[in-house]
Amino acid sequence: MSEAKKPVPVRLIYDVWLKESERTPAGNVVSVELGQAKALIANGKAERADPLPGE
């Protein structure tokens, strides 16, 4: 599996629509592709939810 397709966990800060007409509420931890994770974080919609190294 390539890095771009590997799921990345993020915690949603705001409600988002990851699928057409399906709202995902803030506070949920979801796994999305790396590019989508970066976009959500850059737009202030999510934060990283992966464990720190060694955990």
PDB file of N, CA and C in Angstrom:
ATOM      1  N   MET A   1       0.861  -1.183   0.000  1.00  0.00           N
ATOM      2  CA  MET A   1       0.000   0.000   0.000  1.00  0.00           C
ATOM      3  C   MET A   1       0.899   1.236   0.000  1.00  0.00           C
ATOM      4  N   SER A   2       0.630   2.169  -0.882  1.00  0.00           N
ATOM      5  CA  SER A   2       1.446   3.378  -0.975  1.00  0.00           C
ATOM      6  C   SER A   2       1.123   4.318   0.190  1.00  0.00           C
ATOM      7  N   GLU A   3       2.054   5.210   0.496  1.00  0.00           N
ATOM      8  CA  GLU A   3       1.863   6.168   1.582  1.00  0.00           C
ATOM      9  C   GLU A   3       0.625   7.033   1.366  1.00  0.00           C
ATOM     10  N   ALA A   4       0.364   7.426   0.129  1.00  0.00           N
ATOM     11  CA  ALA A   4      -0.772   8.303  -0.161  1.00  0.00           C
ATOM     12  C   ALA A   4      -2.104   7.610   0.124  1.00  0.00           C
ATOM     13  N   LYS A   5      -2.144   6.287   0.013  1.00  0.00           N
ATOM     14  CA  LYS A   5      -3.384   5.549   0.224  1.00  0.00           C
ATOM     15  C   LYS A   5      -3.522   4.994   1.638  1.00  0.00           C
ATOM     16  N   LYS A   6      -2.455   5.047   2.429  1.00  0.00           N
ATOM     17  CA  LYS A   6      -2.483   4.524   3.790  1.00  0.00           C
ATOM     18  C   LYS A   6      -3.403   5.389   4.644  1.00  0.00           C
ATOM     19  N   PRO A   7      -4.347   4.780   5.361  1.00  0.00           N
ATOM     20  CA  PRO A   7      -5.257   5.578   6.191  1.00  0.00           C
ATOM     21  C   PRO A   7      -4.520   6.287   7.322  1.00  0.00           C
ATOM     22  N   VAL A   8      -4.915   7.523   7.563  1.00  0.00           N
ATOM     23  CA  VAL A   8      -4.313   8.347   8.606  1.00  0.00           C
ATOM     24  C   VAL A   8      -5.432   8.762   9.558  1.00  0.00           C
ATOM     25  N   PRO A   9      -5.281   8.523  10.880  1.00  0.00           N
ATOM     26  CA  PRO A   9      -6.343   8.920  11.810  1.00  0.00           C
ATOM     27  C   PRO A   9      -6.273  10.415  12.127  1.00  0.00           C
ATOM     28  N   VAL A  10      -7.421  11.069  12.076  1.00  0.00           N
ATOM     29  CA  VAL A  10      -7.533  12.476  12.472  1.00  0.00           C
ATOM     30  C   VAL A  10      -8.755  12.640  13.364  1.00  0.00           C
ATOM     31  N   ARG A  11      -8.691  13.593  14.301  1.00  0.00           N
ATOM     32  CA  ARG A  11      -9.826  13.919  15.167  1.00  0.00           C
ATOM     33  C   ARG A  11     -10.469  15.178  14.605  1.00  0.00           C
ATOM     34  N   LEU A  12     -11.748  15.091  14.340  1.00  0.00           N
ATOM     35  CA  LEU A  12     -12.456  16.221  13.741  1.00  0.00           C
ATOM     36  C   LEU A  12     -12.721  17.311  14.781  1.00  0.00           C
ATOM     37  N   ILE A  13     -12.421  18.535  14.408  1.00  0.00           N
ATOM     38  CA  ILE A  13     -12.675  19.693  15.258  1.00  0.00           C
ATOM     39  C   ILE A  13     -14.043  20.294  14.920  1.00  0.00           C
ATOM     40  N   TYR A  14     -14.441  20.172  13.671  1.00  0.00           N
ATOM     41  CA  TYR A  14     -15.734  20.649  13.185  1.00  0.00           C
ATOM     42  C   TYR A  14     -16.455  19.500  12.499  1.00  0.00           C
ATOM     43  N   ASP A  15     -17.778  19.608  12.380  1.00  0.00           N
ATOM     44  CA  ASP A  15     -18.528  18.649  11.580  1.00  0.00           C
ATOM     45  C   ASP A  15     -18.052  18.761  10.135  1.00  0.00           C
ATOM     46  N   VAL A  16     -17.884  17.639   9.459  1.00  0.00           N
ATOM     47  CA  VAL A  16     -17.491  17.640   8.054  1.00  0.00           C
ATOM     48  C   VAL A  16     -18.339  16.633   7.292  1.00  0.00           C
ATOM     49  N   TRP A  17     -18.387  16.802   5.992  1.00  0.00           N
ATOM     50  CA  TRP A  17     -19.108  15.898   5.120  1.00  0.00           C
ATOM     51  C   TRP A  17     -18.078  15.099   4.327  1.00  0.00           C
ATOM     52  N   LEU A  18     -17.684  13.936   4.854  1.00  0.00           N
ATOM     53  CA  LEU A  18     -16.691  13.095   4.190  1.00  0.00           C
ATOM     54  C   LEU A  18     -17.323  12.342   3.023  1.00  0.00           C
ATOM     55  N   LYS A  19     -18.622  12.071   3.134  1.00  0.00           N
ATOM     56  CA  LYS A  19     -19.381  11.434   2.058  1.00  0.00           C
ATOM     57  C   LYS A  19     -20.537  12.348   1.708  1.00  0.00           C
ATOM     58  N   GLU A  20     -20.956  12.297   0.475  1.00  0.00           N
ATOM     59  CA  GLU A  20     -22.069  13.129   0.001  1.00  0.00           C
ATOM     60  C   GLU A  20     -23.287  12.949   0.912  1.00  0.00           C
ATOM     61  N   SER A  21     -23.802  14.038   1.436  1.00  0.00           N
ATOM     62  CA  SER A  21     -24.997  14.102   2.285  1.00  0.00           C
ATOM     63  C   SER A  21     -24.898  13.274   3.569  1.00  0.00           C
ATOM     64  N   GLU A  22     -23.680  13.006   4.048  1.00  0.00           N
ATOM     65  CA  GLU A  22     -23.499  12.288   5.315  1.00  0.00           C
ATOM     66  C   GLU A  22     -22.544  13.073   6.206  1.00  0.00           C
ATOM     67  N   ARG A  23     -23.105  13.734   7.219  1.00  0.00           N
ATOM     68  CA  ARG A  23     -22.313  14.562   8.122  1.00  0.00           C
ATOM     69  C   ARG A  23     -21.604  13.683   9.149  1.00  0.00           C
ATOM     70  N   THR A  24     -20.317  13.975   9.379  1.00  0.00           N
ATOM     71  CA  THR A  24     -19.545  13.303  10.418  1.00  0.00           C
ATOM     72  C   THR A  24     -19.310  14.330  11.521  1.00  0.00           C
ATOM     73  N   PRO A  25     -19.851  14.103  12.718  1.00  0.00           N
ATOM     74  CA  PRO A  25     -19.783  15.104  13.783  1.00  0.00           C
ATOM     75  C   PRO A  25     -18.374  15.345  14.322  1.00  0.00           C
ATOM     76  N   ALA A  26     -18.154  16.550  14.802  1.00  0.00           N
ATOM     77  CA  ALA A  26     -16.902  16.918  15.455  1.00  0.00           C
ATOM     78  C   ALA A  26     -16.663  15.995  16.645  1.00  0.00           C
ATOM     79  N   GLY A  27     -15.387  15.739  16.936  1.00  0.00           N
ATOM     80  CA  GLY A  27     -15.030  14.877  18.051  1.00  0.00           C
ATOM     81  C   GLY A  27     -14.742  13.448  17.645  1.00  0.00           C
ATOM     82  N   ASN A  28     -15.249  13.043  16.484  1.00  0.00           N
ATOM     83  CA  ASN A  28     -14.988  11.688  15.994  1.00  0.00           C
ATOM     84  C   ASN A  28     -13.567  11.568  15.491  1.00  0.00           C
ATOM     85  N   VAL A  29     -12.986  10.384  15.651  1.00  0.00           N
ATOM     86  CA  VAL A  29     -11.694  10.068  15.056  1.00  0.00           C
ATOM     87  C   VAL A  29     -11.998   9.222  13.823  1.00  0.00           C
ATOM     88  N   VAL A  30     -11.546   9.701  12.662  1.00  0.00           N
ATOM     89  CA  VAL A  30     -11.788   8.999  11.400  1.00  0.00           C
ATOM     90  C   VAL A  30     -10.456   8.748  10.701  1.00  0.00           C
ATOM     91  N   SER A  31     -10.416   7.717   9.874  1.00  0.00           N
ATOM     92  CA  SER A  31      -9.229   7.428   9.067  1.00  0.00           C
ATOM     93  C   SER A  31      -9.497   7.868   7.639  1.00  0.00           C
ATOM     94  N   VAL A  32      -8.628   8.715   7.116  1.00  0.00           N
ATOM     95  CA  VAL A  32      -8.750   9.219   5.750  1.00  0.00           C
ATOM     96  C   VAL A  32      -7.395   9.105   5.065  1.00  0.00           C
ATOM     97  N   GLU A  33      -7.383   9.259   3.743  1.00  0.00           N
ATOM     98  CA  GLU A  33      -6.123   9.221   3.005  1.00  0.00           C
ATOM     99  C   GLU A  33      -5.258  10.412   3.400  1.00  0.00           C
ATOM    100  N   LEU A  34      -3.946  10.261   3.253  1.00  0.00           N
ATOM    101  CA  LEU A  34      -2.986  11.278   3.676  1.00  0.00           C
ATOM    102  C   LEU A  34      -3.305  12.662   3.115  1.00  0.00           C
ATOM    103  N   GLY A  35      -3.593  12.760   1.831  1.00  0.00           N
ATOM    104  CA  GLY A  35      -3.894  14.051   1.216  1.00  0.00           C
ATOM    105  C   GLY A  35      -5.110  14.712   1.830  1.00  0.00           C
ATOM    106  N   GLN A  36      -6.140  13.916   2.084  1.00  0.00           N
ATOM    107  CA  GLN A  36      -7.361  14.451   2.694  1.00  0.00           C
ATOM    108  C   GLN A  36      -7.081  14.863   4.141  1.00  0.00           C
ATOM    109  N   ALA A  37      -6.272  14.081   4.849  1.00  0.00           N
ATOM    110  CA  ALA A  37      -5.907  14.427   6.227  1.00  0.00           C
ATOM    111  C   ALA A  37      -5.165  15.756   6.270  1.00  0.00           C
ATOM    112  N   LYS A  38      -4.203  15.935   5.376  1.00  0.00           N
ATOM    113  CA  LYS A  38      -3.447  17.191   5.324  1.00  0.00           C
ATOM    114  C   LYS A  38      -4.361  18.368   5.034  1.00  0.00           C
ATOM    115  N   ALA A  39      -5.310  18.188   4.119  1.00  0.00           N
ATOM    116  CA  ALA A  39      -6.241  19.263   3.772  1.00  0.00           C
ATOM    117  C   ALA A  39      -7.136  19.619   4.956  1.00  0.00           C
ATOM    118  N   LEU A  40      -7.657  18.617   5.656  1.00  0.00           N
ATOM    119  CA  LEU A  40      -8.513  18.879   6.821  1.00  0.00           C
ATOM    120  C   LEU A  40      -7.741  19.616   7.907  1.00  0.00           C
ATOM    121  N   ILE A  41      -6.492  19.199   8.151  1.00  0.00           N
ATOM    122  CA  ILE A  41      -5.668  19.847   9.173  1.00  0.00           C
ATOM    123  C   ILE A  41      -5.323  21.275   8.756  1.00  0.00           C
ATOM    124  N   ALA A  42      -4.940  21.471   7.498  1.00  0.00           N
ATOM    125  CA  ALA A  42      -4.584  22.806   7.001  1.00  0.00           C
ATOM    126  C   ALA A  42      -5.769  23.772   7.072  1.00  0.00           C
ATOM    127  N   ASN A  43      -6.979  23.254   6.883  1.00  0.00           N
ATOM    128  CA  ASN A  43      -8.176  24.094   6.925  1.00  0.00           C
ATOM    129  C   ASN A  43      -8.727  24.258   8.337  1.00  0.00           C
ATOM    130  N   GLY A  44      -8.041  23.698   9.327  1.00  0.00           N
ATOM    131  CA  GLY A  44      -8.479  23.841  10.716  1.00  0.00           C
ATOM    132  C   GLY A  44      -9.689  22.999  11.064  1.00  0.00           C
ATOM    133  N   LYS A  45      -9.990  21.999  10.261  1.00  0.00           N
ATOM    134  CA  LYS A  45     -11.166  21.148  10.486  1.00  0.00           C
ATOM    135  C   LYS A  45     -10.848  19.917  11.318  1.00  0.00           C
ATOM    136  N   ALA A  46      -9.541  19.564  11.426  1.00  0.00           N
ATOM    137  CA  ALA A  46      -9.148  18.357  12.146  1.00  0.00           C
ATOM    138  C   ALA A  46      -7.760  18.535  12.736  1.00  0.00           C
ATOM    139  N   GLU A  47      -7.401  17.600  13.625  1.00  0.00           N
ATOM    140  CA  GLU A  47      -6.060  17.560  14.197  1.00  0.00           C
ATOM    141  C   GLU A  47      -5.572  16.122  14.160  1.00  0.00           C
ATOM    142  N   ARG A  48      -4.268  15.954  14.265  1.00  0.00           N
ATOM    143  CA  ARG A  48      -3.705  14.610  14.238  1.00  0.00           C
ATOM    144  C   ARG A  48      -4.238  13.787  15.409  1.00  0.00           C
ATOM    145  N   ALA A  49      -4.490  12.524  15.178  1.00  0.00           N
ATOM    146  CA  ALA A  49      -4.984  11.648  16.228  1.00  0.00           C
ATOM    147  C   ALA A  49      -4.139  10.400  16.363  1.00  0.00           C
ATOM    148  N   ASP A  50      -2.984  10.365  15.693  1.00  0.00           N
ATOM    149  CA  ASP A  50      -2.132   9.186  15.786  1.00  0.00           C
ATOM    150  C   ASP A  50      -1.298   9.251  17.061  1.00  0.00           C
ATOM    151  N   PRO A  51      -0.936   8.089  17.598  1.00  0.00           N
ATOM    152  CA  PRO A  51      -0.153   8.086  18.829  1.00  0.00           C
ATOM    153  C   PRO A  51       1.262   8.597  18.605  1.00  0.00           C
ATOM    154  N   LEU A  52       1.863   9.119  19.648  1.00  0.00           N
ATOM    155  CA  LEU A  52       3.244   9.557  19.579  1.00  0.00           C
ATOM    156  C   LEU A  52       4.152   8.321  19.461  1.00  0.00           C
ATOM    157  N   PRO A  53       5.296   8.459  18.840  1.00  0.00           N
ATOM    158  CA  PRO A  53       6.192   7.313  18.733  1.00  0.00           C
ATOM    159  C   PRO A  53       6.500   6.707  20.094  1.00  0.00           C
ATOM    160  N   GLY A  54       6.444   5.390  20.168  1.00  0.00           N
ATOM    161  CA  GLY A  54       6.719   4.690  21.409  1.00  0.00           C
ATOM    162  C   GLY A  54       5.482   4.373  22.223  1.00  0.00           C
ATOM    163  N   GLU A  55       4.319   4.837  21.805  1.00  0.00           N
ATOM    164  CA  GLU A  55       3.081   4.545  22.531  1.00  0.00           C
ATOM    165  C   GLU A  55       2.404   3.327  21.975  1.00  0.00           C
TER     166      GLU A  55
END
